[in-house]
PDB file of N, CA and C in Angstrom:
ATOM      1  N   MET A   1     117.097  36.999  40.304  1.00  0.00           N
ATOM      2  CA  MET A   1     118.049  37.239  39.324  1.00  0.00           C
ATOM      3  C   MET A   1     119.455  36.830  39.850  1.00  0.00           C
ATOM      4  N   PRO A   2     120.186  35.981  39.290  1.00  0.00           N
ATOM      5  CA  PRO A   2     121.486  35.505  39.650  1.00  0.00           C
ATOM      6  C   PRO A   2     122.590  36.740  39.670  1.00  0.00           C
ATOM      7  N   LEU A   3     123.435  36.531  40.832  1.00  0.00           N
ATOM      8  CA  LEU A   3     124.568  37.580  40.720  1.00  0.00           C
ATOM      9  C   LEU A   3     125.600  37.155  39.820  1.00  0.00           C
ATOM     10  N   PRO A   4     126.318  38.259  39.322  1.00  0.00           N
ATOM     11  CA  PRO A   4     127.459  37.837  38.468  1.00  0.00           C
ATOM     12  C   PRO A   4     128.575  37.171  39.194  1.00  0.00           C
ATOM     13  N   MET A   5     129.271  36.429  38.541  1.00  0.00           N
ATOM     14  CA  MET A   5     130.575  35.972  39.156  1.00  0.00           C
ATOM     15  C   MET A   5     131.521  36.881  39.396  1.00  0.00           C
ATOM     16  N   PRO A   6     132.499  36.555  40.422  1.00  0.00           N
ATOM     17  CA  PRO A   6     133.309  37.633  40.776  1.00  0.00           C
ATOM     18  C   PRO A   6     134.276  38.127  39.664  1.00  0.00           C
ATOM     19  N   ASP A   7     134.582  37.292  38.644  1.00  0.00           N
ATOM     20  CA  ASP A   7     135.414  37.607  37.420  1.00  0.00           C
ATOM     21  C   ASP A   7     134.755  38.650  36.691  1.00  0.00           C
ATOM     22  N   GLU A   8     133.417  38.337  36.444  1.00  0.00           N
ATOM     23  CA  GLU A   8     132.522  39.237  35.683  1.00  0.00           C
ATOM     24  C   GLU A   8     132.410  40.527  36.291  1.00  0.00           C
ATOM     25  N   ARG A   9     132.204  40.843  37.534  1.00  0.00           N
ATOM     26  CA  ARG A   9     132.118  42.026  38.268  1.00  0.00           C
ATOM     27  C   ARG A   9     133.537  42.793  38.178  1.00  0.00           C
ATOM     28  N   LYS A  10     134.579  42.248  38.246  1.00  0.00           N
ATOM     29  CA  LYS A  10     135.874  42.903  38.063  1.00  0.00           C
ATOM     30  C   LYS A  10     135.990  43.442  36.669  1.00  0.00           C
ATOM     31  N   ARG A  11     135.542  42.729  35.798  1.00  0.00           N
ATOM     32  CA  ARG A  11     135.668  43.112  34.228  1.00  0.00           C
ATOM     33  C   ARG A  11     134.608  44.190  33.931  1.00  0.00           C
ATOM     34  N   SER A  12     133.554  44.252  34.648  1.00  0.00           N
ATOM     35  CA  SER A  12     132.499  45.264  34.217  1.00  0.00           C
ATOM     36  C   SER A  12     132.622  46.573  35.090  1.00  0.00           C
ATOM     37  N   THR A  13     133.381  46.552  36.309  1.00  0.00           N
ATOM     38  CA  THR A  13     133.373  47.717  37.104  1.00  0.00           C
ATOM     39  C   THR A  13     134.783  48.426  37.147  1.00  0.00           C
ATOM     40  N   SER A  14     135.812  47.659  36.748  1.00  0.00           N
ATOM     41  CA  SER A  14     137.050  48.490  36.825  1.00  0.00           C
ATOM     42  C   SER A  14     137.501  48.907  35.161  1.00  0.00           C
ATOM     43  N   ARG A  15     138.299  49.745  35.273  1.00  0.00           N
ATOM     44  CA  ARG A  15     138.615  50.263  33.924  1.00  0.00           C
ATOM     45  C   ARG A  15     140.245  50.065  33.774  1.00  0.00           C
ATOM     46  N   HIS A  16     140.541  49.686  32.504  1.00  0.00           N
ATOM     47  CA  HIS A  16     141.876  49.406  32.009  1.00  0.00           C
ATOM     48  C   HIS A  16     142.616  50.789  31.777  1.00  0.00           C
ATOM     49  N   SER A  17     143.761  50.981  32.253  1.00  0.00           N
ATOM     50  CA  SER A  17     144.664  52.189  31.820  1.00  0.00           C
ATOM     51  C   SER A  17     146.266  51.802  32.044  1.00  0.00           C
ATOM     52  N   LEU A  18     146.934  52.374  31.238  1.00  0.00           N
ATOM     53  CA  LEU A  18     148.281  52.166  31.260  1.00  0.00           C
ATOM     54  C   LEU A  18     149.009  53.447  31.059  1.00  0.00           C
ATOM     55  N   GLN A  19     150.017  53.559  32.200  1.00  0.00           N
ATOM     56  CA  GLN A  19     150.741  54.685  32.293  1.00  0.00           C
ATOM     57  C   GLN A  19     152.301  54.524  32.313  1.00  0.00           C
ATOM     58  N   VAL A  20     153.073  55.014  31.355  1.00  0.00           N
ATOM     59  CA  VAL A  20     154.544  54.800  31.353  1.00  0.00           C
ATOM     60  C   VAL A  20     155.209  56.140  31.833  1.00  0.00           C
ATOM     61  N   ASP A  21     156.172  55.959  32.657  1.00  0.00           N
ATOM     62  CA  ASP A  21     156.878  57.153  33.146  1.00  0.00           C
ATOM     63  C   ASP A  21     158.366  57.003  32.721  1.00  0.00           C
ATOM     64  N   ARG A  22     158.827  57.764  31.591  1.00  0.00           N
ATOM     65  CA  ARG A  22     160.193  57.775  31.270  1.00  0.00           C
ATOM     66  C   ARG A  22     160.670  56.285  30.945  1.00  0.00           C
ATOM     67  N   ARG A  23     159.978  55.551  30.479  1.00  0.00           N
ATOM     68  CA  ARG A  23     160.445  54.155  30.294  1.00  0.00           C
ATOM     69  C   ARG A  23     161.032  53.375  31.482  1.00  0.00           C
ATOM     70  N   GLU A  24     160.834  54.027  32.680  1.00  0.00           N
ATOM     71  CA  GLU A  24     161.412  53.457  33.980  1.00  0.00           C
ATOM     72  C   GLU A  24     160.252  52.834  34.809  1.00  0.00           C
ATOM     73  N   LYS A  25     159.158  53.265  34.611  1.00  0.00           N
ATOM     74  CA  LYS A  25     158.112  52.706  35.559  1.00  0.00           C
ATOM     75  C   LYS A  25     156.694  52.645  34.715  1.00  0.00           C
ATOM     76  N   VAL A  26     156.000  51.453  35.004  1.00  0.00           N
ATOM     77  CA  VAL A  26     154.789  51.244  34.303  1.00  0.00           C
ATOM     78  C   VAL A  26     153.677  51.115  35.311  1.00  0.00           C
ATOM     79  N   THR A  27     152.555  51.764  35.225  1.00  0.00           N
ATOM     80  CA  THR A  27     151.394  51.517  36.148  1.00  0.00           C
ATOM     81  C   THR A  27     150.308  51.000  35.423  1.00  0.00           C
ATOM     82  N   VAL A  28     149.633  49.789  35.682  1.00  0.00           N
ATOM     83  CA  VAL A  28     148.701  49.398  35.010  1.00  0.00           C
ATOM     84  C   VAL A  28     147.386  49.228  35.899  1.00  0.00           C
ATOM     85  N   SER A  29     146.202  49.586  35.395  1.00  0.00           N
ATOM     86  CA  SER A  29     144.840  49.422  36.212  1.00  0.00           C
ATOM     87  C   SER A  29     144.164  48.404  35.333  1.00  0.00           C
ATOM     88  N   GLY A  30     143.104  47.941  35.980  1.00  0.00           N
ATOM     89  CA  GLY A  30     142.296  46.945  35.350  1.00  0.00           C
ATOM     90  C   GLY A  30     142.912  45.505  35.103  1.00  0.00           C
ATOM     91  N   MET A  31     143.744  45.110  36.165  1.00  0.00           N
ATOM     92  CA  MET A  31     144.462  43.924  36.070  1.00  0.00           C
ATOM     93  C   MET A  31     143.478  42.884  36.696  1.00  0.00           C
ATOM     94  N   ILE A  32     143.440  41.824  36.007  1.00  0.00           N
ATOM     95  CA  ILE A  32     142.495  40.610  36.490  1.00  0.00           C
ATOM     96  C   ILE A  32     143.370  39.565  37.157  1.00  0.00           C
ATOM     97  N   ASP A  33     144.547  39.339  36.628  1.00  0.00           N
ATOM     98  CA  ASP A  33     145.542  38.250  37.072  1.00  0.00           C
ATOM     99  C   ASP A  33     146.962  38.575  36.660  1.00  0.00           C
ATOM    100  N   VAL A  34     147.830  38.068  37.342  1.00  0.00           N
ATOM    101  CA  VAL A  34     149.122  38.206  36.971  1.00  0.00           C
ATOM    102  C   VAL A  34     149.608  36.655  36.733  1.00  0.00           C
ATOM    103  N   ILE A  35     150.004  36.355  35.336  1.00  0.00           N
ATOM    104  CA  ILE A  35     150.259  35.093  34.941  1.00  0.00           C
ATOM    105  C   ILE A  35     151.779  34.655  35.436  1.00  0.00           C
ATOM    106  N   SER A  36     152.626  35.606  35.186  1.00  0.00           N
ATOM    107  CA  SER A  36     154.025  35.266  35.508  1.00  0.00           C
ATOM    108  C   SER A  36     154.814  36.624  35.531  1.00  0.00           C
ATOM    109  N   PHE A  37     156.002  36.635  36.296  1.00  0.00           N
ATOM    110  CA  PHE A  37     156.975  37.627  36.102  1.00  0.00           C
ATOM    111  C   PHE A  37     158.425  37.282  36.541  1.00  0.00           C
ATOM    112  N   ASP A  38     159.238  37.873  36.069  1.00  0.00           N
ATOM    113  CA  ASP A  38     160.610  37.612  36.484  1.00  0.00           C
ATOM    114  C   ASP A  38     161.415  39.131  35.872  1.00  0.00           C
ATOM    115  N   GLU A  39     162.761  39.081  36.125  1.00  0.00           N
ATOM    116  CA  GLU A  39     163.474  40.241  35.808  1.00  0.00           C
ATOM    117  C   GLU A  39     163.358  40.825  34.380  1.00  0.00           C
ATOM    118  N   GLU A  40     162.963  39.804  33.429  1.00  0.00           N
ATOM    119  CA  GLU A  40     162.996  40.291  31.835  1.00  0.00           C
ATOM    120  C   GLU A  40     161.505  40.473  31.365  1.00  0.00           C
ATOM    121  N   SER A  41     160.545  39.906  32.145  1.00  0.00           N
ATOM    122  CA  SER A  41     159.087  40.026  31.619  1.00  0.00           C
ATOM    123  C   SER A  41     158.088  39.999  32.695  1.00  0.00           C
ATOM    124  N   VAL A  42     156.902  40.687  32.492  1.00  0.00           N
ATOM    125  CA  VAL A  42     155.789  40.642  33.363  1.00  0.00           C
ATOM    126  C   VAL A  42     154.682  40.295  32.527  1.00  0.00           C
ATOM    127  N   ILE A  43     153.813  39.195  32.740  1.00  0.00           N
ATOM    128  CA  ILE A  43     152.772  38.793  31.879  1.00  0.00           C
ATOM    129  C   ILE A  43     151.583  38.872  32.813  1.00  0.00           C
ATOM    130  N   GLY A  44     150.591  39.559  32.454  1.00  0.00           N
ATOM    131  CA  GLY A  44     149.318  39.707  33.156  1.00  0.00           C
ATOM    132  C   GLY A  44     147.881  39.618  32.230  1.00  0.00           C
ATOM    133  N   GLU A  45     147.012  39.329  32.875  1.00  0.00           N
ATOM    134  CA  GLU A  45     145.607  39.411  32.222  1.00  0.00           C
ATOM    135  C   GLU A  45     144.929  40.746  32.565  1.00  0.00           C
ATOM    136  N   THR A  46     144.555  41.506  31.621  1.00  0.00           N
ATOM    137  CA  THR A  46     143.730  42.769  31.697  1.00  0.00           C
ATOM    138  C   THR A  46     142.400  42.527  31.164  1.00  0.00           C
ATOM    139  N   GLU A  47     141.389  43.445  31.299  1.00  0.00           N
ATOM    140  CA  GLU A  47     140.158  43.475  30.665  1.00  0.00           C
ATOM    141  C   GLU A  47     140.347  43.570  29.257  1.00  0.00           C
ATOM    142  N   MET A  48     141.645  44.029  28.608  1.00  0.00           N
ATOM    143  CA  MET A  48     141.784  44.320  27.252  1.00  0.00           C
ATOM    144  C   MET A  48     142.615  43.214  26.556  1.00  0.00           C
ATOM    145  N   GLY A  49     142.821  42.031  27.359  1.00  0.00           N
ATOM    146  CA  GLY A  49     143.689  41.091  26.855  1.00  0.00           C
ATOM    147  C   GLY A  49     145.026  40.829  27.555  1.00  0.00           C
ATOM    148  N   VAL A  50     145.825  39.961  27.233  1.00  0.00           N
ATOM    149  CA  VAL A  50     147.016  39.714  27.901  1.00  0.00           C
ATOM    150  C   VAL A  50     148.059  40.737  27.749  1.00  0.00           C
ATOM    151  N   ILE A  51     148.768  41.357  28.669  1.00  0.00           N
ATOM    152  CA  ILE A  51     149.662  42.350  28.443  1.00  0.00           C
ATOM    153  C   ILE A  51     151.013  41.848  28.779  1.00  0.00           C
ATOM    154  N   VAL A  52     152.002  41.997  28.057  1.00  0.00           N
ATOM    155  CA  VAL A  52     153.439  41.484  28.332  1.00  0.00           C
ATOM    156  C   VAL A  52     154.257  42.645  28.355  1.00  0.00           C
ATOM    157  N   ILE A  53     154.858  42.784  29.436  1.00  0.00           N
ATOM    158  CA  ILE A  53     155.936  43.985  29.614  1.00  0.00           C
ATOM    159  C   ILE A  53     157.389  43.350  29.590  1.00  0.00           C
ATOM    160  N   ARG A  54     158.234  43.913  28.711  1.00  0.00           N
ATOM    161  CA  ARG A  54     159.375  43.337  28.540  1.00  0.00           C
ATOM    162  C   ARG A  54     160.520  44.352  28.911  1.00  0.00           C
ATOM    163  N   GLY A  55     161.638  43.944  29.393  1.00  0.00           N
ATOM    164  CA  GLY A  55     162.774  44.835  29.638  1.00  0.00           C
ATOM    165  C   GLY A  55     163.898  44.081  30.464  1.00  0.00           C
ATOM    166  N   ALA A  56     164.643  44.945  31.207  1.00  0.00           N
ATOM    167  CA  ALA A  56     165.807  44.428  32.031  1.00  0.00           C
ATOM    168  C   ALA A  56     165.556  44.950  33.404  1.00  0.00           C
ATOM    169  N   ASN A  57     166.113  44.182  34.341  1.00  0.00           N
ATOM    170  CA  ASN A  57     166.128  44.511  35.929  1.00  0.00           C
ATOM    171  C   ASN A  57     164.530  44.872  36.188  1.00  0.00           C
ATOM    172  N   LEU A  58     163.600  44.157  35.865  1.00  0.00           N
ATOM    173  CA  LEU A  58     162.337  44.667  36.064  1.00  0.00           C
ATOM    174  C   LEU A  58     161.909  44.095  37.510  1.00  0.00           C
ATOM    175  N   HIS A  59     161.277  45.046  38.233  1.00  0.00           N
ATOM    176  CA  HIS A  59     160.816  44.732  39.626  1.00  0.00           C
ATOM    177  C   HIS A  59     159.421  45.088  39.784  1.00  0.00           C
ATOM    178  N   VAL A  60     158.685  44.174  40.356  1.00  0.00           N
ATOM    179  CA  VAL A  60     157.303  44.323  40.636  1.00  0.00           C
ATOM    180  C   VAL A  60     157.132  45.065  41.988  1.00  0.00           C
ATOM    181  N   ASN A  61     156.643  46.373  41.937  1.00  0.00           N
ATOM    182  CA  ASN A  61     156.582  47.187  43.155  1.00  0.00           C
ATOM    183  C   ASN A  61     155.265  47.044  43.924  1.00  0.00           C
ATOM    184  N   LYS A  62     154.223  46.768  43.070  1.00  0.00           N
ATOM    185  CA  LYS A  62     152.919  46.635  43.504  1.00  0.00           C
ATOM    186  C   LYS A  62     152.020  45.548  42.826  1.00  0.00           C
ATOM    187  N   ILE A  63     151.382  44.625  43.448  1.00  0.00           N
ATOM    188  CA  ILE A  63     150.431  43.819  42.868  1.00  0.00           C
ATOM    189  C   ILE A  63     149.187  43.874  43.708  1.00  0.00           C
ATOM    190  N   SER A  64     148.036  44.499  43.409  1.00  0.00           N
ATOM    191  CA  SER A  64     146.842  44.255  44.084  1.00  0.00           C
ATOM    192  C   SER A  64     145.694  43.975  43.129  1.00  0.00           C
ATOM    193  N   LEU A  65     145.260  42.563  43.160  1.00  0.00           N
ATOM    194  CA  LEU A  65     144.236  42.135  42.230  1.00  0.00           C
ATOM    195  C   LEU A  65     142.790  42.621  42.803  1.00  0.00           C
ATOM    196  N   ASP A  66     142.824  42.969  44.053  1.00  0.00           N
ATOM    197  CA  ASP A  66     141.517  43.482  44.728  1.00  0.00           C
ATOM    198  C   ASP A  66     141.240  44.715  44.017  1.00  0.00           C
ATOM    199  N   SER A  67     142.195  45.722  43.788  1.00  0.00           N
ATOM    200  CA  SER A  67     141.953  47.050  43.300  1.00  0.00           C
ATOM    201  C   SER A  67     142.204  47.022  41.701  1.00  0.00           C
ATOM    202  N   GLY A  68     142.908  45.752  41.220  1.00  0.00           N
ATOM    203  CA  GLY A  68     143.251  45.734  39.837  1.00  0.00           C
ATOM    204  C   GLY A  68     144.553  46.496  39.534  1.00  0.00           C
ATOM    205  N   GLU A  69     145.540  46.668  40.476  1.00  0.00           N
ATOM    206  CA  GLU A  69     146.533  47.633  40.139  1.00  0.00           C
ATOM    207  C   GLU A  69     147.881  46.809  40.069  1.00  0.00           C
ATOM    208  N   LEU A  70     148.834  47.265  39.142  1.00  0.00           N
ATOM    209  CA  LEU A  70     150.115  46.712  38.916  1.00  0.00           C
ATOM    210  C   LEU A  70     151.067  47.821  38.701  1.00  0.00           C
ATOM    211  N   SER A  71     152.322  47.793  39.339  1.00  0.00           N
ATOM    212  CA  SER A  71     153.291  48.769  39.140  1.00  0.00           C
ATOM    213  C   SER A  71     154.597  48.015  38.962  1.00  0.00           C
ATOM    214  N   VAL A  72     155.278  48.326  37.936  1.00  0.00           N
ATOM    215  CA  VAL A  72     156.469  47.664  37.648  1.00  0.00           C
ATOM    216  C   VAL A  72     157.548  48.852  37.251  1.00  0.00           C
ATOM    217  N   SER A  73     158.894  48.524  37.804  1.00  0.00           N
ATOM    218  CA  SER A  73     159.943  49.587  37.452  1.00  0.00           C
ATOM    219  C   SER A  73     161.010  48.742  36.977  1.00  0.00           C
ATOM    220  N   GLY A  74     161.806  49.446  36.186  1.00  0.00           N
ATOM    221  CA  GLY A  74     163.053  48.846  35.530  1.00  0.00           C
ATOM    222  C   GLY A  74     163.291  49.514  34.212  1.00  0.00           C
ATOM    223  N   GLU A  75     164.142  48.807  33.488  1.00  0.00           N
ATOM    224  CA  GLU A  75     164.459  49.292  32.039  1.00  0.00           C
ATOM    225  C   GLU A  75     163.313  48.715  31.002  1.00  0.00           C
ATOM    226  N   ILE A  76     162.260  49.544  30.724  1.00  0.00           N
ATOM    227  CA  ILE A  76     161.099  48.941  30.027  1.00  0.00           C
ATOM    228  C   ILE A  76     161.484  49.178  28.549  1.00  0.00           C
ATOM    229  N   ASP A  77     161.590  47.917  27.811  1.00  0.00           N
ATOM    230  CA  ASP A  77     161.827  47.831  26.377  1.00  0.00           C
ATOM    231  C   ASP A  77     160.667  47.847  25.573  1.00  0.00           C
ATOM    232  N   SER A  78     159.517  47.105  25.979  1.00  0.00           N
ATOM    233  CA  SER A  78     158.312  46.986  25.119  1.00  0.00           C
ATOM    234  C   SER A  78     157.000  46.655  25.998  1.00  0.00           C
ATOM    235  N   ILE A  79     155.808  47.096  25.623  1.00  0.00           N
ATOM    236  CA  ILE A  79     154.741  46.586  26.056  1.00  0.00           C
ATOM    237  C   ILE A  79     153.720  46.150  24.897  1.00  0.00           C
ATOM    238  N   THR A  80     153.401  44.931  25.048  1.00  0.00           N
ATOM    239  CA  THR A  80     152.466  44.481  24.026  1.00  0.00           C
ATOM    240  C   THR A  80     151.153  43.828  24.583  1.00  0.00           C
ATOM    241  N   TYR A  81     150.181  43.749  23.769  1.00  0.00           N
ATOM    242  CA  TYR A  81     148.998  42.903  24.072  1.00  0.00           C
ATOM    243  C   TYR A  81     148.686  41.788  23.335  1.00  0.00           C
ATOM    244  N   GLU A  82     148.310  40.700  23.835  1.00  0.00           N
ATOM    245  CA  GLU A  82     147.913  39.513  23.151  1.00  0.00           C
ATOM    246  C   GLU A  82     146.493  39.499  23.137  1.00  0.00           C
ATOM    247  N   ASN A  83     145.849  39.368  22.072  1.00  0.00           N
ATOM    248  CA  ASN A  83     144.376  39.250  22.003  1.00  0.00           C
ATOM    249  C   ASN A  83     143.799  40.678  22.306  1.00  0.00           C
ATOM    250  N   PRO A  84     144.361  41.814  21.810  1.00  0.00           N
ATOM    251  CA  PRO A  84     143.890  43.125  22.096  1.00  0.00           C
ATOM    252  C   PRO A  84     142.567  43.329  22.031  1.00  0.00           C
ATOM    253  N   GLY A  85     141.985  44.076  22.855  1.00  0.00           N
ATOM    254  CA  GLY A  85     140.434  44.496  22.752  1.00  0.00           C
ATOM    255  C   GLY A  85     139.525  43.327  23.133  1.00  0.00           C
ATOM    256  N   GLY A  86     139.843  42.306  23.598  1.00  0.00           N
ATOM    257  CA  GLY A  86     138.896  41.036  23.825  1.00  0.00           C
ATOM    258  C   GLY A  86     139.328  40.537  24.981  1.00  0.00           C
ATOM    259  N   PRO A  87     138.483  39.506  25.562  1.00  0.00           N
ATOM    260  CA  PRO A  87     138.885  38.836  26.719  1.00  0.00           C
ATOM    261  C   PRO A  87     140.164  38.313  26.820  1.00  0.00           C
ATOM    262  N   ALA A  88     140.819  38.218  27.755  1.00  0.00           N
ATOM    263  CA  ALA A  88     142.130  37.482  27.782  1.00  0.00           C
ATOM    264  C   ALA A  88     141.936  36.071  27.650  1.00  0.00           C
ATOM    265  N   LYS A  89     143.020  35.494  26.995  1.00  0.00           N
ATOM    266  CA  LYS A  89     143.001  34.054  27.064  1.00  0.00           C
ATOM    267  C   LYS A  89     144.298  33.486  27.512  1.00  0.00           C
ATOM    268  N   ALA A  90     144.684  33.365  28.582  1.00  0.00           N
ATOM    269  CA  ALA A  90     145.847  33.043  29.240  1.00  0.00           C
ATOM    270  C   ALA A  90     146.462  31.763  28.625  1.00  0.00           C
ATOM    271  N   LYS A  91     145.573  30.667  28.486  1.00  0.00           N
ATOM    272  CA  LYS A  91     146.018  29.422  27.965  1.00  0.00           C
ATOM    273  C   LYS A  91     146.531  29.347  26.692  1.00  0.00           C
ATOM    274  N   SER A  92     146.028  30.327  25.760  1.00  0.00           N
ATOM    275  CA  SER A  92     146.407  30.306  24.406  1.00  0.00           C
ATOM    276  C   SER A  92     148.024  30.997  24.447  1.00  0.00           C
ATOM    277  N   LEU A  93     148.241  31.989  25.302  1.00  0.00           N
ATOM    278  CA  LEU A  93     149.530  32.569  25.302  1.00  0.00           C
ATOM    279  C   LEU A  93     150.436  31.602  25.971  1.00  0.00           C
ATOM    280  N   MET A  94     150.089  31.091  27.183  1.00  0.00           N
ATOM    281  CA  MET A  94     151.047  29.865  27.647  1.00  0.00           C
ATOM    282  C   MET A  94     151.297  28.827  26.601  1.00  0.00           C
ATOM    283  N   GLY A  95     150.321  28.470  25.666  1.00  0.00           N
ATOM    284  CA  GLY A  95     150.558  27.420  24.811  1.00  0.00           C
ATOM    285  C   GLY A  95     151.554  27.893  23.730  1.00  0.00           C
ATOM    286  N   ARG A  96     151.405  29.204  23.246  1.00  0.00           N
ATOM    287  CA  ARG A  96     152.431  29.751  22.301  1.00  0.00           C
ATOM    288  C   ARG A  96     153.878  29.815  22.956  1.00  0.00           C
ATOM    289  N   LEU A  97     153.930  30.080  24.317  1.00  0.00           N
ATOM    290  CA  LEU A  97     155.224  30.103  24.776  1.00  0.00           C
ATOM    291  C   LEU A  97     155.955  28.913  24.933  1.00  0.00           C
ATOM    292  N   PHE A  98     155.381  27.757  25.138  1.00  0.00           N
ATOM    293  CA  PHE A  98     155.820  26.324  25.272  1.00  0.00           C
ATOM    294  C   PHE A  98     155.651  25.520  24.125  1.00  0.00           C
ATOM    295  N   LYS A  99     155.735  26.099  22.820  1.00  0.00           N
ATOM    296  CA  LYS A  99     155.710  25.354  21.524  1.00  0.00           C
ATOM    297  C   LYS A  99     157.110  24.610  21.437  1.00  0.00           C
TER     298      LYS A  99
END
């Protein structure tokens, strides 16, 4: 019986959750990859789709793809999902960003 690929194991064993603390700190679990980040946005791939965190003075406190954890602090304005509930498609998001 073939073993699952590493990405398949991450998707099936970790759980996605999102915690927001007073719009100053966001903790995300179930992260698969971080696509990009700067002071105004953090874009990452989760089990539930691509997540986009927008705000000002954003600072990535922790990125651990081994445990699937991401922690961001700053002035959080919005959190949205691209392709919610389905497998993340980073290429389609990047394609939309560079139209």
